[in-house]
Amino acid sequence: MKYAGILACMLLVSIVGANATFAHSGGTDKNGCHYDHKHGGYHCH
């Protein structure tokens, strides 16, 4: 039963982490960069 809880936590962390990697829709240029209109500045991924 202990391992089921650990497995469930690992699964939850994996799902939350996967959502964080797709935080914005993109709109990157050929260098993989874009201007952040919300916070200002130009950055690359």
N, C-alpha and C. Protein backbone atom coordinates (compact mmCIF):
# COMPACT_ATOMS: atom_id res chain seq x y z
N MET A 1 0.83 -1.20 0.00
CA MET A 1 0.00 0.00 0.00
C MET A 1 0.87 1.26 0.00
N LYS A 2 2.02 1.19 0.67
CA LYS A 2 2.92 2.33 0.72
C LYS A 2 3.41 2.69 -0.69
N TYR A 3 3.69 1.67 -1.49
CA TYR A 3 4.19 1.91 -2.84
C TYR A 3 3.12 2.51 -3.74
N ALA A 4 1.88 2.20 -3.50
CA ALA A 4 0.79 2.77 -4.28
C ALA A 4 0.70 4.27 -4.05
N GLY A 5 0.92 4.71 -2.83
CA GLY A 5 0.91 6.14 -2.52
C GLY A 5 2.07 6.86 -3.17
N ILE A 6 3.23 6.24 -3.15
CA ILE A 6 4.41 6.84 -3.79
C ILE A 6 4.20 6.92 -5.30
N LEU A 7 3.66 5.86 -5.88
CA LEU A 7 3.39 5.85 -7.31
C LEU A 7 2.38 6.92 -7.69
N ALA A 8 1.34 7.09 -6.88
CA ALA A 8 0.33 8.12 -7.14
C ALA A 8 0.95 9.51 -7.08
N CYS A 9 1.82 9.76 -6.12
CA CYS A 9 2.50 11.06 -6.01
C CYS A 9 3.40 11.31 -7.21
N MET A 10 4.12 10.29 -7.64
CA MET A 10 4.99 10.44 -8.81
C MET A 10 4.18 10.74 -10.07
N LEU A 11 3.05 10.10 -10.21
CA LEU A 11 2.19 10.34 -11.36
C LEU A 11 1.66 11.77 -11.34
N LEU A 12 1.24 12.23 -10.18
CA LEU A 12 0.72 13.59 -10.05
C LEU A 12 1.80 14.61 -10.40
N VAL A 13 3.00 14.42 -9.91
CA VAL A 13 4.11 15.34 -10.20
C VAL A 13 4.41 15.33 -11.70
N SER A 14 4.35 14.18 -12.32
CA SER A 14 4.61 14.08 -13.76
C SER A 14 3.57 14.85 -14.56
N ILE A 15 2.31 14.73 -14.18
CA ILE A 15 1.24 15.42 -14.89
C ILE A 15 1.36 16.93 -14.72
N VAL A 16 1.60 17.38 -13.50
CA VAL A 16 1.75 18.82 -13.24
C VAL A 16 2.96 19.36 -13.97
N GLY A 17 4.06 18.62 -13.97
CA GLY A 17 5.26 19.05 -14.67
C GLY A 17 5.05 19.15 -16.16
N ALA A 18 4.30 18.23 -16.73
CA ALA A 18 4.03 18.25 -18.16
C ALA A 18 3.21 19.48 -18.54
N ASN A 19 2.27 19.87 -17.70
CA ASN A 19 1.47 21.07 -17.98
C ASN A 19 2.33 22.32 -17.93
N ALA A 20 3.31 22.37 -17.07
CA ALA A 20 4.17 23.55 -16.96
C ALA A 20 5.03 23.73 -18.20
N THR A 21 5.36 22.66 -18.89
CA THR A 21 6.20 22.79 -20.08
C THR A 21 5.45 23.38 -21.25
N PHE A 22 4.14 23.36 -21.24
CA PHE A 22 3.33 23.92 -22.30
C PHE A 22 2.61 25.17 -21.81
N ALA A 23 3.38 26.07 -21.19
CA ALA A 23 2.79 27.23 -20.54
C ALA A 23 2.23 28.27 -21.50
N HIS A 24 2.78 28.37 -22.72
CA HIS A 24 2.23 29.33 -23.67
C HIS A 24 2.13 28.70 -25.04
N SER A 25 1.39 29.35 -25.89
CA SER A 25 1.05 28.77 -27.19
C SER A 25 2.18 28.82 -28.20
N GLY A 26 3.21 29.56 -27.94
CA GLY A 26 4.33 29.59 -28.87
C GLY A 26 4.52 30.95 -29.48
N GLY A 27 4.45 31.01 -30.80
CA GLY A 27 4.70 32.26 -31.49
C GLY A 27 6.18 32.59 -31.51
N THR A 28 7.03 31.57 -31.56
CA THR A 28 8.47 31.80 -31.56
C THR A 28 8.97 32.03 -32.98
N ASP A 29 10.07 32.77 -33.07
CA ASP A 29 10.68 33.00 -34.37
C ASP A 29 11.60 31.84 -34.75
N LYS A 30 12.35 31.99 -35.82
CA LYS A 30 13.19 30.89 -36.31
C LYS A 30 14.28 30.49 -35.32
N ASN A 31 14.58 31.37 -34.35
CA ASN A 31 15.59 31.06 -33.33
C ASN A 31 14.98 30.48 -32.06
N GLY A 32 13.66 30.31 -32.04
CA GLY A 32 12.97 29.80 -30.86
C GLY A 32 12.75 30.86 -29.81
N CYS A 33 12.75 32.12 -30.21
CA CYS A 33 12.60 33.25 -29.28
C CYS A 33 11.29 33.99 -29.55
N HIS A 34 10.87 34.77 -28.58
CA HIS A 34 9.69 35.61 -28.77
C HIS A 34 9.69 36.76 -27.78
N TYR A 35 8.89 37.78 -28.07
CA TYR A 35 8.74 38.93 -27.17
C TYR A 35 7.61 38.63 -26.21
N ASP A 36 7.88 38.81 -24.93
CA ASP A 36 6.88 38.58 -23.89
C ASP A 36 6.12 39.87 -23.65
N HIS A 37 4.92 39.97 -24.21
CA HIS A 37 4.13 41.20 -24.11
C HIS A 37 3.60 41.41 -22.69
N LYS A 38 3.39 40.37 -21.95
CA LYS A 38 2.83 40.49 -20.60
C LYS A 38 3.86 41.05 -19.61
N HIS A 39 5.07 40.51 -19.65
CA HIS A 39 6.10 40.90 -18.69
C HIS A 39 7.19 41.78 -19.30
N GLY A 40 7.17 41.90 -20.61
CA GLY A 40 8.20 42.68 -21.30
C GLY A 40 9.46 41.85 -21.48
N GLY A 41 10.18 42.14 -22.52
CA GLY A 41 11.43 41.46 -22.77
C GLY A 41 11.33 40.41 -23.85
N TYR A 42 12.47 40.06 -24.36
CA TYR A 42 12.58 39.07 -25.44
C TYR A 42 13.39 37.91 -24.88
N HIS A 43 12.87 36.69 -25.03
CA HIS A 43 13.60 35.54 -24.51
C HIS A 43 13.46 34.35 -25.42
N CYS A 44 14.36 33.39 -25.21
CA CYS A 44 14.41 32.20 -26.05
C CYS A 44 14.14 30.96 -25.21
N HIS A 45 13.70 29.92 -25.88
CA HIS A 45 13.41 28.65 -25.22
C HIS A 45 14.37 27.59 -25.67
